[in-house]
Protein backbone atom coordinates (compact mmCIF):
# COMPACT_ATOMS: atom_id res chain seq x y z
CA GLN A 1 0.00 0.00 0.00
CA LYS A 2 0.92 3.45 -0.80
CA GLN A 3 1.48 5.59 2.34
CA GLN A 4 -0.38 8.90 2.44
CA PRO A 5 1.66 12.03 3.16
CA GLN A 6 1.08 13.35 6.70
CA GLN A 7 -0.79 16.69 6.89
CA PRO A 8 0.75 19.38 9.04
CA GLN A 9 -1.28 20.00 12.22
CA GLN A 10 -3.00 23.36 12.49
CA PRO A 11 -2.23 25.29 15.69
CA GLN A 12 -5.13 25.39 18.13
CA PRO A 13 -6.44 28.98 18.71
CA GLN A 14 -5.60 30.17 22.17
CA PRO A 15 -8.56 31.51 24.20
CA GLN A 16 -8.35 35.28 24.71
CA VAL A 17 -8.16 36.32 28.29
CA GLN A 18 -10.09 39.56 29.04
CA PRO A 19 -8.15 41.94 31.27
CA PRO A 20 -9.89 42.68 34.54
CA PRO A 21 -11.90 45.96 34.58
CA GLN A 22 -9.79 48.86 35.69
CA GLN A 23 -11.10 50.35 38.93
CA GLN A 24 -11.31 54.12 39.52
CA THR A 25 -9.16 55.10 42.42
CA PRO A 26 -9.03 58.44 44.22
CA LEU A 27 -6.54 61.03 42.99
CA GLN A 28 -6.17 59.09 39.73
CA GLN A 29 -4.68 61.22 37.02
CA ARG A 30 -7.06 61.95 34.20
CA PRO A 31 -6.01 61.88 30.58
CA PRO A 32 -5.24 65.34 29.18
CA VAL A 33 -8.14 67.24 27.64
CA SER A 34 -7.77 69.54 24.71
CA PRO A 35 -7.96 73.25 25.59
CA ALA A 36 -10.79 73.75 23.12
CA SER A 37 -13.15 71.61 25.19
CA SER A 38 -12.18 73.11 28.57
CA CYS A 39 -14.90 75.35 30.16
CA ASP A 40 -13.85 75.49 33.77
CA ARG A 41 -12.70 79.16 33.85
CA PHE A 42 -12.91 82.46 31.97
CA ILE A 43 -9.97 84.71 31.32
CA PRO A 44 -11.02 88.37 30.99
CA ASN A 45 -9.85 90.40 28.08
CA ARG A 46 -7.79 93.18 29.62
CA GLY A 47 -7.91 95.15 26.43
CA ALA A 48 -11.69 95.49 26.74
CA PHE A 49 -11.80 97.53 29.95
CA ASP A 50 -9.93 100.30 31.74
CA MET A 51 -8.48 99.37 35.13
CA ALA A 52 -8.44 102.99 36.36
CA VAL A 53 -12.07 103.53 35.44
CA SER A 54 -13.08 100.23 37.02
CA GLN A 55 -11.35 101.16 40.27
CA PHE A 56 -13.15 104.52 40.23
CA GLU A 57 -16.51 102.82 39.72
CA ILE A 58 -15.95 100.45 42.66
CA ALA A 59 -14.93 103.32 44.97
CA ARG A 60 -17.81 105.52 43.79
CA ARG A 61 -20.43 102.87 44.52
CA GLY A 62 -18.96 102.26 47.95
CA ASP A 63 -19.05 105.98 48.72
CA ALA A 64 -22.68 106.14 47.60
CA GLU A 65 -23.65 103.31 49.95
CA ASN A 66 -21.87 104.97 52.87
CA ALA A 67 -23.47 108.33 52.07
CA GLN A 68 -26.93 106.82 52.49
CA LEU A 69 -26.08 105.99 56.10
CA ASP A 70 -24.17 109.18 56.90
CA PHE A 71 -26.28 112.34 57.21
CA ASN A 72 -23.12 114.47 57.41
CA ALA A 73 -22.00 113.43 53.93
CA SER A 74 -21.61 116.37 51.56
CA PRO A 75 -24.36 116.41 48.90
CA ALA A 76 -22.30 118.88 46.90
CA LYS A 77 -19.37 116.46 46.73
CA GLU A 78 -21.62 113.61 45.56
CA GLU A 79 -23.17 115.86 42.90
CA TYR A 80 -19.70 116.90 41.75
CA LYS A 81 -18.64 113.26 41.38
CA ARG A 82 -21.71 112.47 39.29
CA GLU A 83 -21.12 115.46 37.04
CA LEU A 84 -17.43 114.57 36.65
CA ALA A 85 -18.17 110.94 35.79
CA SER A 86 -20.84 111.97 33.28
CA SER A 87 -18.43 114.42 31.66
CA LEU A 88 -15.45 112.07 31.40
CA PHE A 89 -17.41 108.98 30.34
CA GLN A 90 -19.71 110.79 27.90
CA GLY A 91 -22.66 109.96 30.12
CA VAL A 92 -22.16 106.17 29.84
CA PRO A 93 -19.87 105.09 32.72
CA ASP A 94 -21.49 101.65 32.85
CA LEU A 95 -19.72 100.64 29.62
CA ASN A 96 -16.44 100.57 31.57
CA ARG A 97 -16.93 97.27 33.36
CA VAL A 98 -14.64 95.71 35.92
CA LEU A 99 -14.31 92.43 33.94
CA ALA A 100 -14.98 92.07 30.24
CA PHE A 101 -14.74 88.88 28.17
CA THR A 102 -15.40 90.36 24.77
CA SER A 103 -13.57 92.97 22.82
CA LYS A 104 -14.37 96.62 23.46
CA PRO A 105 -16.79 98.09 20.88
CA LEU A 106 -15.43 100.44 18.33
CA ALA A 107 -14.84 103.89 19.75
CA SER A 108 -17.22 106.66 18.82
CA PRO A 109 -15.74 109.36 16.61
CA ARG A 110 -16.36 111.83 19.46
CA ARG A 111 -14.80 109.69 22.17
CA VAL A 112 -11.34 110.80 23.18
CA SER A 113 -8.87 108.50 24.85
CA LEU A 114 -7.41 109.98 28.03
CA SER A 115 -4.73 107.32 28.36
CA PRO A 116 -1.35 107.89 26.69
CA ALA A 117 -0.41 105.92 23.60
CA SER A 118 2.77 104.72 25.29
CA PRO A 119 4.07 104.74 28.87
CA ASN A 120 6.47 107.56 28.05
CA THR A 121 3.88 109.78 26.34
CA PRO A 122 1.72 112.03 28.56
CA PRO A 123 -2.00 112.35 27.74
CA SER A 124 -3.08 115.23 25.57
CA LEU A 125 -4.46 118.10 27.66
CA ARG A 126 -6.11 119.55 24.59
CA SER A 127 -8.17 116.39 24.25
CA LEU A 128 -9.08 116.48 27.92
CA TYR A 129 -10.25 120.10 28.08
CA SER A 130 -12.06 120.06 24.72
CA LEU A 131 -13.83 116.78 25.45
CA ASN A 132 -17.35 118.23 25.78
CA ARG A 133 -16.92 121.32 23.65
CA ASP A 134 -19.93 121.88 21.39
CA SER A 135 -21.40 118.57 22.53
CA PRO A 136 -25.06 118.21 21.53
CA GLN A 137 -25.68 115.74 24.37
CA THR A 138 -25.02 118.28 27.12
CA PRO A 139 -27.02 121.46 26.47
CA LYS A 140 -25.77 124.54 28.21
CA ARG A 141 -27.88 125.54 31.19
CA PRO A 142 -28.32 129.26 31.80
CA HIS A 143 -26.74 130.48 35.00
CA ARG A 144 -29.04 132.38 37.35
CA LYS A 145 -27.49 135.12 39.39
CA ILE A 146 -28.55 134.86 43.02
CA PRO A 147 -28.14 138.16 44.89
CA GLN A 148 -26.15 137.79 48.08
CA MET A 149 -27.62 140.94 49.62
CA ALA A 150 -31.19 141.71 50.61
CA GLU A 151 -32.86 143.98 48.06
CA ARG A 152 -34.87 145.74 50.78
CA ILE A 153 -34.58 146.05 54.57
CA LEU A 154 -37.40 147.30 56.83
CA ASP A 155 -37.38 147.92 60.56
CA ALA A 156 -39.63 145.63 62.61
CA PRO A 157 -39.50 146.94 66.21
CA ASP A 158 -41.02 144.91 69.05
CA LEU A 159 -40.89 141.66 67.09
CA ILE A 160 -41.18 138.94 69.74
CA ASP A 161 -38.09 136.75 69.91
CA ASP A 162 -39.89 133.43 70.37
CA TYR A 163 -39.06 130.37 68.28
CA TYR A 164 -42.53 128.81 68.74
CA LEU A 165 -44.61 131.67 67.23
CA ASN A 166 -45.63 132.35 63.61
CA LEU A 167 -45.79 136.11 63.01
CA LEU A 168 -45.38 136.61 59.24
CA ASP A 169 -47.48 135.83 56.12
CA TRP A 170 -47.92 137.09 52.54
CA ASN A 171 -51.16 136.85 50.53
CA LEU A 172 -51.99 136.69 46.82
CA ASP A 173 -52.90 140.41 46.75
CA ASP A 174 -49.25 141.21 47.52
CA ILE A 175 -49.97 142.36 51.07
CA LEU A 176 -47.62 141.22 53.81
CA VAL A 177 -48.82 140.94 57.41
CA ILE A 178 -46.50 141.02 60.41
CA ALA A 179 -47.25 140.99 64.13
CA LEU A 180 -45.13 143.29 66.28
CA GLY A 181 -45.88 142.83 69.96
CA SER A 182 -49.56 143.62 70.49
CA ALA A 183 -50.04 145.18 67.03
CA VAL A 184 -50.67 143.81 63.53
CA TYR A 185 -49.49 145.72 60.45
CA LEU A 186 -50.39 145.29 56.77
CA TRP A 187 -47.71 146.34 54.29
CA ASN A 188 -48.67 146.67 50.62
CA ASN A 189 -45.79 145.78 48.33
CA ALA A 190 -47.44 147.44 45.33
CA ASP A 191 -47.51 151.00 46.71
CA GLY A 192 -45.58 150.73 49.99
CA SER A 193 -48.55 151.76 52.14
CA ILE A 194 -48.84 150.57 55.74
CA VAL A 195 -52.09 149.94 57.64
CA LYS A 196 -52.37 149.18 61.35
CA LEU A 197 -55.02 146.50 61.71
CA LEU A 198 -55.03 145.97 65.44
CA HIS A 199 -53.26 147.46 68.41
CA GLU A 200 -53.62 146.91 72.14
CA PRO A 201 -52.00 149.08 74.84
CA PRO A 202 -48.75 147.66 76.23
CA GLU A 203 -50.15 147.44 79.77
CA SER A 204 -52.87 144.98 78.65
CA SER A 205 -50.41 142.03 78.57
CA PHE A 206 -51.87 141.16 75.17
CA ASP A 207 -49.60 139.80 72.45
CA VAL A 208 -50.27 138.53 68.96
CA THR A 209 -48.80 135.03 68.68
CA SER A 210 -49.75 133.94 65.14
CA VAL A 211 -51.21 135.24 61.85
CA ALA A 212 -52.47 133.50 58.69
CA TRP A 213 -54.09 134.81 55.49
CA SER A 214 -57.15 133.09 54.06
CA PRO A 215 -56.93 131.63 50.51
CA CYS A 216 -59.11 134.47 49.20
CA SER A 217 -56.69 137.03 50.73
CA LYS A 218 -59.58 139.06 52.19
CA GLN A 219 -59.69 137.60 55.69
CA LEU A 220 -56.99 137.25 58.32
CA LEU A 221 -56.72 134.92 61.30
CA VAL A 222 -55.00 136.31 64.38
CA GLY A 223 -53.98 134.10 67.31
CA THR A 224 -53.39 135.77 70.65
CA SER A 225 -51.76 135.13 74.00
CA GLN A 226 -55.29 135.29 75.52
CA ALA A 227 -56.11 131.85 74.03
CA THR A 228 -58.43 133.27 71.37
CA VAL A 229 -58.48 133.23 67.57
CA GLU A 230 -59.84 136.36 65.88
CA LEU A 231 -61.15 136.57 62.32
CA TRP A 232 -60.65 139.97 60.66
CA ASP A 233 -61.89 141.49 57.41
CA THR A 234 -58.90 143.40 56.04
CA SER A 235 -60.95 145.40 53.51
CA THR A 236 -63.05 147.03 56.25
CA LEU A 237 -60.49 146.62 59.06
CA LYS A 238 -63.17 145.10 61.31
CA LYS A 239 -63.24 141.96 63.40
CA ILE A 240 -65.80 139.46 62.14
CA ARG A 241 -65.86 137.01 65.02
CA SER A 242 -63.81 135.54 67.84
CA LEU A 243 -63.17 131.79 68.06
CA GLU A 244 -62.81 130.65 71.64
CA GLY A 245 -62.12 127.30 73.22
CA HIS A 246 -58.36 127.15 73.69
CA SER A 247 -56.96 127.35 77.20
CA ALA A 248 -53.46 128.56 76.26
CA ARG A 249 -51.86 130.87 73.70
CA VAL A 250 -52.44 130.03 70.02
CA GLY A 251 -49.05 129.90 68.34
CA SER A 252 -49.92 128.28 65.00
CA LEU A 253 -52.71 128.71 62.43
CA ALA A 254 -53.47 127.13 59.05
CA TRP A 255 -56.33 127.39 56.54
CA ALA A 256 -57.87 124.20 55.11
CA GLY A 257 -60.18 126.03 52.71
CA SER A 258 -62.06 129.28 52.30
CA ASN A 259 -64.18 128.72 55.41
CA VAL A 260 -62.31 126.12 57.46
CA CYS A 261 -59.14 126.58 59.50
CA SER A 262 -57.05 124.85 62.16
CA SER A 263 -55.32 126.22 65.25
CA GLY A 264 -52.74 124.81 67.66
CA SER A 265 -52.14 125.99 71.22
CA ARG A 266 -49.47 125.84 73.88
CA ASN A 267 -51.07 122.89 75.71
CA GLY A 268 -50.77 120.67 72.61
CA GLU A 269 -54.43 120.97 71.62
CA LEU A 270 -55.42 121.06 67.95
CA ARG A 271 -58.81 122.56 66.97
CA HIS A 272 -60.55 122.69 63.60
CA HIS A 273 -63.06 125.49 62.96
CA ASP A 274 -65.85 126.02 60.42
CA MET A 275 -66.70 129.71 60.00
CA ARG A 276 -70.12 128.97 58.49
CA THR A 277 -71.63 127.43 61.64
CA PRO A 278 -72.29 129.08 65.02
CA PRO A 279 -70.61 126.23 66.95
CA HIS A 280 -67.38 126.72 65.04
CA ALA A 281 -65.45 123.78 66.56
CA VAL A 282 -65.57 120.87 64.12
CA SER A 283 -62.97 118.72 65.85
CA VAL A 284 -60.84 118.95 69.00
CA VAL A 285 -57.92 116.59 69.58
CA LYS A 286 -54.90 116.39 71.87
CA ALA A 287 -52.29 116.37 69.13
CA HIS A 288 -49.03 116.86 71.08
CA ALA A 289 -47.75 116.60 74.62
CA LEU A 290 -46.34 120.14 74.43
CA GLU A 291 -46.95 123.28 72.37
CA VAL A 292 -48.03 123.02 68.72
CA CYS A 293 -45.52 125.30 67.00
CA GLY A 294 -45.88 124.24 63.34
CA LEU A 295 -49.08 123.74 61.32
CA LYS A 296 -49.46 123.41 57.53
CA TRP A 297 -52.23 122.08 55.28
CA SER A 298 -51.35 120.66 51.88
CA SER A 299 -53.08 121.98 48.77
CA GLY A 300 -56.65 120.92 48.12
CA ALA A 301 -57.49 120.49 51.80
CA SER A 302 -61.12 120.50 52.91
CA ILE A 303 -62.17 119.19 56.30
CA SER A 304 -65.05 116.69 56.25
CA ASN A 305 -64.70 116.21 52.50
CA THR A 306 -65.06 112.48 51.87
CA THR A 307 -63.33 112.78 48.51
CA GLY A 308 -60.40 114.74 49.94
CA GLY A 309 -57.13 113.08 50.71
CA ALA A 310 -55.22 116.23 51.65
CA ARG A 311 -52.83 116.14 54.58
CA LEU A 312 -52.22 118.30 57.63
CA ALA A 313 -48.73 118.41 59.16
CA SER A 314 -48.37 119.45 62.78
CA GLY A 315 -45.08 119.86 64.62
CA GLY A 316 -44.70 120.19 68.36
CA ASN A 317 -42.29 121.05 71.09
CA ASP A 318 -42.42 117.37 72.07
CA ASN A 319 -40.11 116.62 69.08
CA THR A 320 -42.97 114.93 67.24
CA LEU A 321 -44.24 115.37 63.68
CA ASN A 322 -47.83 114.25 63.05
CA ILE A 323 -49.38 113.79 59.60
CA TRP A 324 -53.20 113.84 59.51
CA ASP A 325 -55.67 112.82 56.82
CA ASP A 326 -58.50 115.32 56.31
CA ARG A 327 -61.01 112.43 56.23
CA GLN A 328 -59.94 111.17 59.66
CA LEU A 329 -58.88 113.84 62.14
CA ALA A 330 -59.37 111.87 65.34
CA THR A 331 -55.94 110.21 65.17
CA PRO A 332 -52.87 111.01 63.06
CA ALA A 333 -52.18 108.83 60.07
CA PHE A 334 -48.46 108.86 60.95
CA LYS A 335 -46.72 109.82 64.19
CA ILE A 336 -43.04 110.48 63.48
CA THR A 337 -40.40 110.82 66.19
CA ARG A 338 -37.22 111.04 64.10
CA HIS A 339 -36.47 114.64 65.13
CA THR A 340 -34.66 115.24 68.42
CA ALA A 341 -35.86 118.83 68.97
CA ALA A 342 -38.97 120.94 68.44
CA VAL A 343 -40.46 120.70 64.95
CA LYS A 344 -41.58 124.16 63.84
CA ALA A 345 -40.41 124.50 60.22
CA LEU A 346 -42.91 122.78 57.88
CA ALA A 347 -43.57 123.17 54.14
CA TRP A 348 -45.41 121.26 51.39
CA ALA A 349 -43.91 121.11 47.89
CA PRO A 350 -46.26 122.80 45.39
CA TRP A 351 -44.98 120.69 42.48
CA GLN A 352 -45.01 117.20 44.04
CA ARG A 353 -47.98 115.69 45.84
CA HIS A 354 -47.40 114.45 49.41
CA LEU A 355 -43.83 115.80 49.60
CA LEU A 356 -43.34 117.36 53.04
CA ALA A 357 -40.24 119.08 54.45
CA SER A 358 -39.64 119.47 58.18
CA GLY A 359 -36.88 121.09 60.22
CA GLY A 360 -35.76 120.56 63.81
CA GLY A 361 -34.56 122.92 66.49
CA THR A 362 -31.14 123.52 67.99
CA ALA A 363 -30.64 120.01 69.36
CA ASP A 364 -31.64 118.41 66.04
CA ARG A 365 -30.66 120.75 63.15
CA MET A 366 -31.90 118.22 60.60
CA LEU A 367 -33.81 119.00 57.43
CA ARG A 368 -35.95 115.97 56.54
CA PHE A 369 -38.20 115.12 53.62
CA TRP A 370 -41.20 112.80 53.90
CA ASP A 371 -43.65 110.97 51.71
CA ALA A 372 -46.88 111.91 53.50
CA SER A 373 -48.80 109.05 51.89
CA THR A 374 -46.55 106.39 53.47
CA GLY A 375 -44.73 108.23 56.28
CA ARG A 376 -41.37 107.24 54.80
CA CYS A 377 -38.32 109.50 55.16
CA LEU A 378 -36.99 110.28 51.68
CA ASN A 379 -33.90 112.28 52.60
CA ALA A 380 -32.20 113.98 55.54
CA VAL A 381 -29.53 116.69 55.68
CA ASP A 382 -27.69 118.06 58.70
CA THR A 383 -27.80 121.85 58.38
CA HIS A 384 -25.51 122.42 61.42
CA SER A 385 -27.91 125.10 62.63
CA GLN A 386 -31.37 125.54 64.13
CA VAL A 387 -34.04 125.30 61.40
CA CYS A 388 -36.68 128.01 61.87
CA ALA A 389 -38.66 128.09 58.59
CA ILE A 390 -38.84 126.48 55.13
CA GLN A 391 -40.20 127.77 51.82
CA PHE A 392 -40.43 125.75 48.56
CA SER A 393 -40.05 127.51 45.24
CA LYS A 394 -43.25 127.69 43.19
CA HIS A 395 -41.40 127.26 39.91
CA ASP A 396 -38.19 125.26 40.40
CA ARG A 397 -37.11 122.20 42.34
CA GLU A 398 -35.58 124.42 45.01
CA LEU A 399 -36.24 125.46 48.60
CA VAL A 400 -34.91 127.99 51.07
CA SER A 401 -34.49 127.45 54.80
CA SER A 402 -33.88 130.02 57.54
CA HIS A 403 -31.71 129.27 60.54
CA GLY A 404 -30.89 130.41 64.03
CA PHE A 405 -27.98 129.47 66.23
CA THR A 406 -25.21 129.32 65.14
CA HIS A 407 -25.18 130.89 61.65
CA ASN A 408 -28.35 133.10 61.51
CA GLN A 409 -28.61 132.81 57.74
CA LEU A 410 -30.76 131.65 54.84
CA ILE A 411 -29.70 128.69 52.67
CA LEU A 412 -30.95 128.03 49.14
CA TRP A 413 -31.01 124.30 48.29
CA LYS A 414 -31.40 122.31 45.07
CA TYR A 415 -33.85 119.43 45.40
CA PRO A 416 -33.42 116.44 45.48
CA SER A 417 -29.60 116.58 45.42
CA MET A 418 -29.65 119.06 48.36
CA VAL A 419 -26.70 120.98 47.01
CA LYS A 420 -26.31 124.45 48.47
CA LEU A 421 -26.90 127.05 45.79
CA ALA A 422 -26.37 130.07 48.04
CA GLU A 423 -25.88 131.09 51.65
CA LEU A 424 -27.46 134.44 52.43
CA SER A 425 -26.17 136.37 55.42
CA GLY A 426 -27.32 139.69 56.83
CA HIS A 427 -29.39 138.99 59.93
CA THR A 428 -27.49 139.41 63.17
CA SER A 429 -29.82 137.14 65.12
CA ARG A 430 -31.85 134.03 64.36
CA VAL A 431 -34.17 134.21 61.34
CA LEU A 432 -37.47 133.19 62.92
CA HIS A 433 -40.05 133.61 60.12
CA MET A 434 -40.30 133.51 56.32
CA ALA A 435 -43.01 134.22 53.75
CA GLN A 436 -43.02 134.05 49.94
CA SER A 437 -44.30 136.68 47.50
CA PRO A 438 -47.25 135.79 45.22
CA ASP A 439 -45.04 135.81 42.11
CA GLY A 440 -42.75 133.27 43.77
CA THR A 441 -39.52 135.20 43.28
CA THR A 442 -38.99 136.92 46.64
CA VAL A 443 -38.77 135.63 50.19
CA ALA A 444 -39.31 137.90 53.18
CA SER A 445 -37.48 136.99 56.40
CA ALA A 446 -38.09 138.38 59.87
CA GLY A 447 -35.37 137.98 62.49
CA ALA A 448 -34.91 138.48 66.17
CA ASP A 449 -32.70 141.47 65.25
CA GLU A 450 -36.02 143.31 64.55
CA THR A 451 -35.46 143.63 60.83
CA LEU A 452 -37.55 142.46 57.88
CA ARG A 453 -35.46 141.61 54.81
CA PHE A 454 -36.48 140.77 51.24
CA TRP A 455 -34.40 138.33 49.17
CA LYS A 456 -34.94 137.70 45.44
CA VAL A 457 -33.70 134.13 45.38
CA PHE A 458 -36.15 132.22 43.14
CA SER A 459 -36.70 132.41 39.39
CA GLY A 460 -39.75 134.14 37.94
CA THR A 461 -40.80 131.51 35.40
CA ALA A 462 -44.55 131.29 34.92
CA ARG A 463 -46.23 128.42 36.73
CA LYS A 464 -47.31 125.35 34.77
CA TRP A 465 -49.84 123.99 37.27
CA ASP A 466 -52.94 125.04 39.19
CA GLU A 467 -54.08 128.64 39.02
CA GLU A 468 -52.15 131.60 37.66
CA ILE A 469 -50.69 133.93 40.24
CA ASP A 470 -50.57 137.68 40.37
CA MET A 471 -47.17 139.06 39.36
CA ARG A 472 -46.31 142.56 40.54
CA GLU A 473 -43.16 144.49 41.08
CA GLY A 474 -42.54 146.00 44.51
CA VAL A 475 -41.42 149.50 45.35
CA THR A 476 -38.74 150.62 47.72
CA GLY A 477 -40.45 153.65 49.19
CA ALA A 478 -41.03 152.41 52.76
CA ARG A 479 -38.14 151.77 55.10
CA THR A 480 -39.96 150.80 58.29
CA ILE A 481 -43.12 149.04 59.41
CA ARG A 482 -44.75 150.90 62.25
């Protein structure tokens, strides 16, 4: 037999052994990841922001937060910083962010770089000082000249030096009333004539403690040290009626309408009177623990009017400010105790509803602004002097305040920045009373130095709200009231 050739044996396939699964251990090094897929941090683009401007923004915001808590902060300095930032940043400082991750937008043709092109090149002063020249975004505001001297000074002998009285008022017919001791004088600004309305002999121990013109300018309320309120007709120079009921001197008066008025006395009592009814007392309430020395109704007031909503502000020697609603006079809507001295100076803004200003005495010296609808304090400024009276401008967002110890001056403020526009000196003693002319340009101030001074501090722009007012020019013929 023929032997078959032997076939070579095929190698047997070896079974594949699977490696054991690799276990994750702590602190195990991860494989490198490409930078394109990394999103764990952002690197700011330093070319897109200005480090100096960013530092200024951080410091400015910190100063603003501290200024809200510090009443002694200078409003003028804060206003200067805002104006400087608006000027240098073209009114858009928020574009200079602390961190930026995108490129800075293309510069405006009007924007000028204040940084030098190289470290050795100083910035161009011509670019700095001509930055806002002929800029259409910042219109030029006309400058108003504020006289630093009184345009007229009258003698006011026997003016009672008492902080808690209200002895001066000015009506829409341009007639100013002032109480001097036991007498009341009417001074006509149009022709300079003087009329003596009432006079009691000195030995009668009778003093006039408050005066207030009616809205129609034909009737005058006179509060006395004999605890009475007298209503006078100034056209006939006759007393119409006497309103009794108080048990102490009446140091504050305020009209709530043509026929309704309010009076505050030394014992803290507040009375509301209606001239049309024989029992004139509409409401009697114990408003303060001590004397009521400040009393002001807001515009549109009418007691017992269910559709009213006007407010009455009363300040007392008990360091309390009360705000009353004319629809509920039994209790005050808000009882405020933020002042630390007597609250005599009160004024309502004619161009903003429910905006009330109040000023404290020597121990307080604060000028505060309130929202009378909520009782919230909007702003407060330390005047460093006793606040005696406040008058809002009828045309501009401005107000003037008169002061006693220690400066005896008038201060003109810009609202709401509360920057001092002018400080008017001339009185040698505290400036107790102020009244505003019907055209809204002149303020009359009466001081304990027995002088009556007239200051033309407000602008004469025509009013854009409510009724038109009578605008007349005064004369300088009279030099004394007596």
